[in-house]
N, C-alpha and C. Protein backbone atom coordinates (compact mmCIF):
# COMPACT_ATOMS: atom_id res chain seq x y z
N MET A 1 -45.14 87.66 -70.95
CA MET A 1 -46.19 86.86 -71.11
C MET A 1 -46.16 85.75 -72.03
N SER A 2 -45.82 85.93 -73.03
CA SER A 2 -45.21 84.76 -73.99
C SER A 2 -45.09 83.15 -73.56
N GLY A 3 -44.12 83.61 -72.19
CA GLY A 3 -43.47 82.38 -71.50
C GLY A 3 -44.41 81.59 -71.11
N ILE A 4 -46.05 82.19 -70.82
CA ILE A 4 -47.03 81.31 -70.29
C ILE A 4 -47.75 80.95 -71.12
N PHE A 5 -47.95 81.55 -72.07
CA PHE A 5 -48.84 81.09 -72.80
C PHE A 5 -48.16 79.89 -73.70
N SER A 6 -46.79 79.84 -73.81
CA SER A 6 -46.14 78.87 -74.31
C SER A 6 -46.40 77.48 -73.60
N ALA A 7 -46.38 77.80 -72.13
CA ALA A 7 -47.10 76.70 -71.18
C ALA A 7 -48.16 75.99 -71.05
N PHE A 8 -49.32 76.98 -71.71
CA PHE A 8 -50.53 76.56 -71.69
C PHE A 8 -50.48 75.54 -73.01
N ARG A 9 -50.16 76.03 -74.27
CA ARG A 9 -49.77 74.76 -74.88
C ARG A 9 -49.05 73.83 -74.53
N ILE A 10 -48.07 73.52 -74.11
CA ILE A 10 -47.31 72.74 -73.82
C ILE A 10 -48.56 71.72 -73.03
N THR A 11 -48.75 71.97 -71.99
CA THR A 11 -49.72 71.52 -71.29
C THR A 11 -51.09 71.19 -71.74
N ALA A 12 -51.74 71.88 -72.93
CA ALA A 12 -52.44 71.85 -73.81
C ALA A 12 -52.18 70.43 -74.47
N SER A 13 -51.43 70.52 -75.04
CA SER A 13 -50.58 69.40 -75.77
C SER A 13 -50.82 67.92 -75.34
N ALA A 14 -50.37 68.07 -73.81
CA ALA A 14 -50.20 66.88 -72.98
C ALA A 14 -51.43 66.42 -72.84
N LEU A 15 -52.37 67.13 -72.33
CA LEU A 15 -53.64 66.94 -72.47
C LEU A 15 -54.55 65.86 -73.27
N THR A 16 -54.29 66.93 -74.64
CA THR A 16 -54.71 65.88 -75.52
C THR A 16 -54.43 64.74 -75.88
N SER A 17 -53.05 64.72 -75.62
CA SER A 17 -52.35 63.58 -76.13
C SER A 17 -52.79 62.36 -74.96
N GLN A 18 -52.96 62.82 -73.38
CA GLN A 18 -53.09 61.36 -72.89
C GLN A 18 -54.54 60.93 -73.17
N ARG A 19 -55.57 62.30 -73.75
CA ARG A 19 -57.00 61.69 -74.10
C ARG A 19 -56.75 60.91 -74.97
N LEU A 20 -56.09 61.13 -75.53
CA LEU A 20 -56.54 60.14 -76.76
C LEU A 20 -55.81 58.81 -76.49
N ARG A 21 -54.59 58.84 -75.61
CA ARG A 21 -54.16 57.59 -75.25
C ARG A 21 -55.16 56.83 -74.03
N MET A 22 -56.25 57.54 -73.15
CA MET A 22 -57.42 56.84 -72.68
C MET A 22 -58.23 56.36 -73.57
N ASP A 23 -58.51 57.01 -74.56
CA ASP A 23 -59.77 56.32 -75.52
C ASP A 23 -59.10 55.23 -76.06
N VAL A 24 -57.77 55.48 -76.47
CA VAL A 24 -57.46 53.76 -77.35
C VAL A 24 -57.35 52.60 -75.95
N THR A 25 -56.69 53.22 -75.38
CA THR A 25 -57.21 51.78 -74.23
C THR A 25 -58.35 51.44 -73.79
N ALA A 26 -59.75 52.40 -73.84
CA ALA A 26 -61.00 52.13 -73.84
C ALA A 26 -61.19 51.27 -74.76
N ASN A 27 -61.25 51.66 -76.11
CA ASN A 27 -61.13 50.94 -77.27
C ASN A 27 -60.67 49.72 -77.18
N ASN A 28 -59.53 48.98 -76.36
CA ASN A 28 -58.62 47.69 -76.48
C ASN A 28 -59.48 47.03 -75.84
N VAL A 29 -59.92 47.66 -74.00
CA VAL A 29 -60.75 46.90 -73.26
C VAL A 29 -62.13 46.39 -73.54
N ALA A 30 -62.59 47.71 -74.37
CA ALA A 30 -64.26 46.99 -75.04
C ALA A 30 -64.14 45.88 -76.27
N ASN A 31 -62.51 45.87 -76.66
CA ASN A 31 -62.52 44.59 -77.90
C ASN A 31 -61.76 43.39 -77.37
N ALA A 32 -61.52 43.48 -75.78
CA ALA A 32 -61.00 42.20 -75.41
C ALA A 32 -61.31 40.71 -75.99
N GLU A 33 -62.95 40.75 -76.41
CA GLU A 33 -63.34 39.72 -76.51
C GLU A 33 -63.68 39.56 -78.27
N THR A 34 -63.18 40.29 -78.94
CA THR A 34 -63.95 40.68 -80.29
C THR A 34 -62.80 39.58 -81.26
N THR A 35 -63.27 38.81 -81.84
CA THR A 35 -62.58 37.69 -82.62
C THR A 35 -62.85 37.40 -83.43
N ARG A 36 -63.65 38.69 -84.03
CA ARG A 36 -63.92 38.86 -85.88
C ARG A 36 -64.04 40.01 -85.63
N THR A 37 -63.41 40.83 -86.81
CA THR A 37 -63.22 42.31 -87.15
C THR A 37 -63.34 42.32 -88.44
N GLU A 38 -64.05 43.66 -88.93
CA GLU A 38 -64.28 43.48 -90.29
C GLU A 38 -63.33 43.06 -91.55
N GLU A 39 -62.06 43.43 -91.04
CA GLU A 39 -60.88 42.54 -91.85
C GLU A 39 -61.15 41.01 -91.31
N GLY A 40 -61.67 40.47 -90.72
CA GLY A 40 -61.37 38.74 -90.53
C GLY A 40 -60.90 38.40 -89.35
N GLY A 41 -60.05 39.01 -88.72
CA GLY A 41 -59.30 38.20 -87.56
C GLY A 41 -59.39 38.92 -86.40
N PRO A 42 -59.01 38.24 -85.53
CA PRO A 42 -59.49 39.05 -84.05
C PRO A 42 -58.85 40.35 -83.99
N TYR A 43 -59.57 40.94 -83.03
CA TYR A 43 -59.32 42.40 -82.77
C TYR A 43 -57.41 42.32 -82.28
N GLN A 44 -56.85 43.20 -82.76
CA GLN A 44 -55.25 43.62 -82.26
C GLN A 44 -55.00 44.59 -81.13
N ARG A 45 -54.29 44.70 -80.01
CA ARG A 45 -54.78 45.72 -79.50
C ARG A 45 -54.11 47.00 -80.16
N GLN A 46 -54.16 48.29 -79.46
CA GLN A 46 -53.50 49.36 -80.09
C GLN A 46 -53.09 50.04 -79.23
N GLN A 47 -51.82 50.81 -79.43
CA GLN A 47 -50.54 51.84 -78.96
C GLN A 47 -50.87 52.61 -79.26
N VAL A 48 -50.45 53.71 -78.31
CA VAL A 48 -50.16 55.08 -79.13
C VAL A 48 -48.31 55.46 -78.61
N VAL A 49 -48.62 56.34 -80.10
CA VAL A 49 -46.93 56.45 -79.97
C VAL A 49 -46.99 57.99 -80.08
N PHE A 50 -46.16 58.66 -78.86
CA PHE A 50 -45.97 59.80 -78.66
C PHE A 50 -44.45 59.89 -79.08
N GLU A 51 -44.26 61.75 -79.27
CA GLU A 51 -43.59 62.27 -79.68
C GLU A 51 -43.58 63.59 -79.19
N ALA A 52 -41.84 63.90 -79.08
CA ALA A 52 -42.30 65.54 -78.87
C ALA A 52 -42.05 66.27 -79.94
N LYS A 53 -42.83 67.50 -79.49
CA LYS A 53 -42.91 68.45 -80.73
C LYS A 53 -41.50 69.37 -80.75
N GLN A 54 -40.75 69.28 -81.79
CA GLN A 54 -39.30 70.11 -81.32
C GLN A 54 -39.53 71.27 -83.07
N ASP A 55 -38.94 72.32 -82.49
CA ASP A 55 -38.33 72.91 -83.68
C ASP A 55 -36.84 72.95 -83.76
N GLY A 56 -36.79 71.60 -84.21
CA GLY A 56 -34.55 71.61 -83.75
C GLY A 56 -34.49 71.23 -82.77
N PRO A 57 -33.18 71.45 -82.38
CA PRO A 57 -32.36 70.61 -81.12
C PRO A 57 -32.73 71.66 -79.95
N ASN A 58 -33.50 70.68 -79.37
CA ASN A 58 -33.98 72.01 -77.53
C ASN A 58 -32.48 72.20 -77.31
N PHE A 59 -31.26 72.36 -77.25
CA PHE A 59 -30.11 72.63 -76.80
C PHE A 59 -29.26 72.64 -77.97
N ILE A 60 -28.46 73.97 -78.08
CA ILE A 60 -27.80 74.51 -78.85
C ILE A 60 -26.48 74.90 -78.35
N PRO A 61 -25.04 74.26 -78.43
CA PRO A 61 -23.85 74.35 -77.92
C PRO A 61 -23.45 75.04 -78.55
N THR A 62 -23.36 76.31 -77.05
CA THR A 62 -22.31 77.26 -77.30
C THR A 62 -21.63 77.84 -75.63
N SER A 63 -21.08 79.01 -76.51
CA SER A 63 -20.39 79.48 -74.89
C SER A 63 -21.01 79.59 -74.18
N PHE A 64 -22.62 80.16 -74.22
CA PHE A 64 -23.18 80.92 -73.68
C PHE A 64 -24.66 79.74 -73.23
N PRO A 65 -24.61 78.53 -73.06
CA PRO A 65 -25.73 77.78 -73.33
C PRO A 65 -27.34 78.45 -72.28
N VAL A 66 -27.08 79.04 -71.51
CA VAL A 66 -28.36 79.19 -71.15
C VAL A 66 -29.48 79.76 -71.81
N ASN A 67 -28.41 81.06 -71.95
CA ASN A 67 -29.20 82.04 -73.12
C ASN A 67 -29.87 81.86 -74.30
N ASN A 68 -29.42 80.40 -74.90
CA ASN A 68 -29.21 79.98 -76.37
C ASN A 68 -30.00 78.49 -76.05
N SER A 69 -31.13 77.69 -74.97
CA SER A 69 -31.71 77.25 -74.97
C SER A 69 -33.15 77.05 -75.72
N LYS A 70 -33.75 76.23 -75.91
CA LYS A 70 -34.85 76.23 -76.73
C LYS A 70 -36.20 75.98 -75.96
N PRO A 71 -37.06 76.74 -75.67
CA PRO A 71 -37.99 76.05 -74.47
C PRO A 71 -38.73 74.54 -75.98
N GLY A 72 -39.10 73.98 -75.05
CA GLY A 72 -40.20 73.14 -75.15
C GLY A 72 -41.24 72.86 -76.32
N GLN A 73 -42.05 72.23 -77.24
CA GLN A 73 -42.94 72.79 -77.75
C GLN A 73 -43.69 72.14 -77.48
N GLY A 74 -44.14 71.15 -76.46
CA GLY A 74 -44.82 70.00 -76.27
C GLY A 74 -44.71 68.81 -76.76
N VAL A 75 -46.43 68.03 -76.77
CA VAL A 75 -45.98 66.42 -77.12
C VAL A 75 -47.19 66.19 -78.22
N HIS A 76 -47.33 65.17 -79.33
CA HIS A 76 -48.38 64.94 -79.80
C HIS A 76 -48.41 63.54 -80.18
N VAL A 77 -49.21 62.94 -80.92
CA VAL A 77 -49.46 61.58 -81.43
C VAL A 77 -48.67 61.15 -81.99
N THR A 78 -47.91 60.40 -83.13
CA THR A 78 -47.54 60.47 -83.65
C THR A 78 -48.07 59.10 -84.71
N ALA A 79 -48.79 58.46 -84.16
CA ALA A 79 -49.80 57.04 -84.77
C ALA A 79 -49.89 56.88 -83.60
N ILE A 80 -51.20 55.82 -84.19
CA ILE A 80 -51.85 54.48 -83.39
C ILE A 80 -51.68 53.42 -83.82
N VAL A 81 -50.48 52.72 -83.38
CA VAL A 81 -50.18 51.07 -84.25
C VAL A 81 -50.65 50.28 -83.44
N ALA A 82 -51.00 49.17 -84.08
CA ALA A 82 -51.59 47.55 -83.81
C ALA A 82 -50.19 47.16 -83.21
N ASP A 83 -50.78 46.15 -82.05
CA ASP A 83 -49.25 45.60 -81.77
C ASP A 83 -49.72 44.00 -82.52
N ASP A 84 -47.98 43.69 -82.87
CA ASP A 84 -48.47 42.28 -83.41
C ASP A 84 -48.04 40.71 -82.72
N SER A 85 -47.93 41.33 -81.61
CA SER A 85 -48.15 40.16 -80.43
C SER A 85 -49.16 38.83 -81.02
N PRO A 86 -49.06 37.46 -80.79
CA PRO A 86 -49.94 36.71 -81.32
C PRO A 86 -51.12 36.75 -80.14
N GLY A 87 -52.35 36.59 -80.48
CA GLY A 87 -53.43 36.08 -79.90
C GLY A 87 -53.75 35.15 -78.99
N ASN A 88 -54.56 34.95 -78.04
CA ASN A 88 -54.82 33.25 -77.39
C ASN A 88 -55.78 32.63 -78.30
N ARG A 89 -54.99 31.36 -78.27
CA ARG A 89 -55.85 30.73 -78.67
C ARG A 89 -56.68 29.58 -77.82
N VAL A 90 -57.53 29.61 -77.93
CA VAL A 90 -58.51 28.59 -76.97
C VAL A 90 -59.26 28.11 -77.33
N TYR A 91 -59.70 26.71 -77.02
CA TYR A 91 -60.44 25.33 -77.28
C TYR A 91 -61.59 25.81 -76.70
N ASP A 92 -62.10 25.94 -78.28
CA ASP A 92 -63.58 25.67 -77.94
C ASP A 92 -64.38 25.57 -79.26
N PRO A 93 -64.79 24.43 -79.83
CA PRO A 93 -65.41 23.63 -81.16
C PRO A 93 -66.65 24.62 -81.43
N ASP A 94 -67.41 24.88 -80.02
CA ASP A 94 -68.55 25.28 -80.38
C ASP A 94 -68.48 27.13 -81.09
N HIS A 95 -67.78 27.56 -80.72
CA HIS A 95 -67.77 29.02 -80.92
C HIS A 95 -67.37 29.00 -82.30
N PRO A 96 -68.77 30.30 -82.67
CA PRO A 96 -68.74 30.70 -84.48
C PRO A 96 -67.28 30.94 -84.82
N ASP A 97 -66.19 31.32 -84.67
CA ASP A 97 -65.07 31.70 -85.42
C ASP A 97 -64.11 30.76 -84.97
N ALA A 98 -64.51 29.22 -84.65
CA ALA A 98 -63.41 28.15 -84.19
C ALA A 98 -62.86 27.75 -85.59
N ASP A 99 -61.12 27.59 -85.53
CA ASP A 99 -60.71 26.87 -87.09
C ASP A 99 -61.08 25.42 -86.63
N GLU A 100 -60.64 24.82 -88.10
CA GLU A 100 -60.78 23.59 -88.29
C GLU A 100 -60.68 22.32 -87.38
N GLU A 101 -59.33 22.98 -86.26
CA GLU A 101 -59.16 22.04 -85.23
C GLU A 101 -59.63 22.61 -84.10
N GLY A 102 -60.82 23.53 -84.11
CA GLY A 102 -61.43 23.79 -82.78
C GLY A 102 -60.62 24.93 -81.37
N PHE A 103 -60.16 25.54 -82.25
CA PHE A 103 -59.49 26.60 -81.71
C PHE A 103 -59.88 27.91 -82.27
N VAL A 104 -59.89 28.81 -81.21
CA VAL A 104 -60.31 30.12 -81.29
C VAL A 104 -59.53 30.84 -81.04
N THR A 105 -58.73 31.72 -81.75
CA THR A 105 -58.01 33.51 -81.69
C THR A 105 -58.72 34.56 -80.99
N TYR A 106 -58.42 34.35 -79.61
CA TYR A 106 -59.17 35.65 -79.37
C TYR A 106 -57.70 36.79 -78.92
N PRO A 107 -58.30 37.90 -78.88
CA PRO A 107 -57.51 39.27 -79.24
C PRO A 107 -56.02 38.90 -78.05
N ASN A 108 -55.10 40.16 -78.58
CA ASN A 108 -54.17 39.83 -77.88
C ASN A 108 -54.31 41.03 -76.92
N VAL A 109 -55.22 41.20 -76.06
CA VAL A 109 -55.53 42.34 -75.06
C VAL A 109 -55.46 41.58 -73.43
N ASN A 110 -54.59 42.29 -72.84
CA ASN A 110 -54.26 41.83 -71.35
C ASN A 110 -55.47 43.07 -70.49
N ILE A 111 -56.33 42.53 -70.10
CA ILE A 111 -57.09 43.04 -69.27
C ILE A 111 -56.68 44.09 -67.77
N VAL A 112 -55.43 43.44 -67.67
CA VAL A 112 -54.53 43.88 -66.39
C VAL A 112 -53.22 44.83 -67.49
N THR A 113 -53.03 44.78 -68.14
CA THR A 113 -51.96 45.39 -68.50
C THR A 113 -52.74 46.93 -68.73
N GLU A 114 -54.33 46.79 -69.45
CA GLU A 114 -54.65 47.67 -70.58
C GLU A 114 -55.38 48.46 -69.26
N MET A 115 -55.87 48.22 -67.78
CA MET A 115 -55.92 48.93 -66.56
C MET A 115 -54.90 49.78 -65.81
N THR A 116 -53.59 49.09 -66.09
CA THR A 116 -52.54 49.81 -65.68
C THR A 116 -52.10 50.98 -66.89
N ASP A 117 -52.11 50.52 -68.18
CA ASP A 117 -51.93 51.88 -69.04
C ASP A 117 -53.26 52.74 -68.30
N MET A 118 -54.53 52.65 -68.25
CA MET A 118 -55.65 52.93 -67.93
C MET A 118 -55.12 54.65 -67.38
N LEU A 119 -54.22 53.47 -66.24
CA LEU A 119 -54.37 54.37 -64.81
C LEU A 119 -52.98 55.19 -64.76
N SER A 120 -51.84 54.83 -65.75
CA SER A 120 -51.09 55.61 -66.16
C SER A 120 -51.42 57.12 -66.42
N ALA A 121 -52.42 56.44 -68.00
CA ALA A 121 -52.93 57.69 -68.31
C ALA A 121 -53.91 58.74 -67.83
N THR A 122 -54.75 58.15 -66.85
CA THR A 122 -55.18 59.36 -65.86
C THR A 122 -54.35 59.76 -64.81
N ARG A 123 -53.41 59.20 -64.61
CA ARG A 123 -52.72 60.29 -64.00
C ARG A 123 -51.59 60.93 -64.30
N SER A 124 -51.29 60.99 -65.44
CA SER A 124 -50.80 62.05 -66.46
C SER A 124 -51.31 62.76 -66.54
N TYR A 125 -52.57 62.45 -66.81
CA TYR A 125 -53.85 63.72 -67.19
C TYR A 125 -54.02 64.51 -66.23
N GLU A 126 -54.33 63.98 -65.17
CA GLU A 126 -54.58 64.94 -63.95
C GLU A 126 -53.36 65.57 -63.05
N ALA A 127 -51.97 64.72 -63.80
CA ALA A 127 -51.49 66.00 -63.34
C ALA A 127 -51.18 67.14 -64.36
N ASN A 128 -51.44 66.61 -65.49
CA ASN A 128 -51.48 68.29 -66.37
C ASN A 128 -52.64 69.15 -66.40
N VAL A 129 -53.51 68.47 -65.29
CA VAL A 129 -54.45 69.50 -65.31
C VAL A 129 -54.26 70.44 -64.25
N THR A 130 -53.76 69.50 -62.99
CA THR A 130 -52.94 70.35 -61.85
C THR A 130 -51.59 71.58 -62.74
N VAL A 131 -51.04 71.15 -63.57
CA VAL A 131 -50.06 71.94 -64.21
C VAL A 131 -50.73 73.24 -64.65
N PHE A 132 -52.24 73.12 -65.65
CA PHE A 132 -52.80 73.89 -65.96
C PHE A 132 -53.39 75.24 -65.22
N ASN A 133 -54.25 74.52 -64.10
CA ASN A 133 -54.40 74.81 -63.26
C ASN A 133 -53.81 76.52 -62.38
N SER A 134 -52.68 75.55 -62.27
CA SER A 134 -51.15 76.56 -62.08
C SER A 134 -51.25 77.51 -62.55
N LEU A 135 -50.86 77.15 -63.72
CA LEU A 135 -50.85 78.62 -64.35
C LEU A 135 -51.36 79.32 -64.54
N LYS A 136 -52.88 79.06 -65.01
CA LYS A 136 -53.73 79.40 -64.46
C LYS A 136 -54.04 80.69 -63.43
N ASN A 137 -53.81 79.80 -62.40
CA ASN A 137 -53.42 81.00 -60.72
C ASN A 137 -52.73 82.24 -61.22
N MET A 138 -51.49 81.34 -61.45
CA MET A 138 -49.99 82.83 -61.64
C MET A 138 -50.52 83.71 -62.97
N ALA A 139 -50.97 83.23 -63.92
CA ALA A 139 -51.84 84.56 -64.49
C ALA A 139 -52.42 85.25 -64.23
N LEU A 140 -53.44 84.55 -63.57
CA LEU A 140 -54.89 85.73 -62.66
C LEU A 140 -53.65 86.20 -61.86
N ARG A 141 -52.86 85.98 -61.02
CA ARG A 141 -51.90 86.66 -59.63
C ARG A 141 -51.17 87.71 -60.24
N ALA A 142 -50.61 87.23 -61.92
CA ALA A 142 -49.77 88.40 -62.26
C ALA A 142 -50.91 89.45 -62.82
N LEU A 143 -51.99 89.32 -63.35
CA LEU A 143 -53.19 90.31 -63.62
C LEU A 143 -53.50 91.07 -62.69
N ASP A 144 -53.47 90.55 -61.65
CA ASP A 144 -53.84 91.43 -60.32
C ASP A 144 -53.18 92.35 -59.85
N ILE A 145 -51.46 91.50 -59.78
CA ILE A 145 -50.38 92.49 -59.59
C ILE A 145 -50.20 93.82 -60.61
N GLY A 146 -50.36 93.37 -61.96
CA GLY A 146 -50.53 94.69 -62.65
C GLY A 146 -51.53 95.79 -62.68
N ARG A 147 -52.76 95.13 -62.16
CA ARG A 147 -53.81 95.98 -61.69
C ARG A 147 -53.24 97.31 -60.96
N SER A 148 -52.67 96.94 -59.88
CA SER A 148 -52.33 97.72 -58.67
C SER A 148 -51.42 98.71 -58.78
């Protein structure tokens, strides 16, 4: 039964990571027009960096590789990094954040890109919910078999 609990942990880590990805994407969309942050410049798009959790190499080369493979450990977020690409400069001399030349630097957030990322994260989240529910049903079925 430990294999199924490991699968639950892996799926839970994926759900947590994709939820954070959706939160970061929502924050990007919410700040798409923020021309001044606490640091003084325009908002910079944030991106989530994922990494597979591992306790050493996944596969150990031996004469019996099937018996020596290590199970996956899931995924985790290693960082949330700022996208350093330049913002969009728009001529608007009446804007309070306009520079001496009348240009305002808007965030480097592209709404289409963000919506695509949100859709991808949502689909990944939904897929992991499906896996989680399948695992739950398998565990319940195993308990039913054990009772009979």
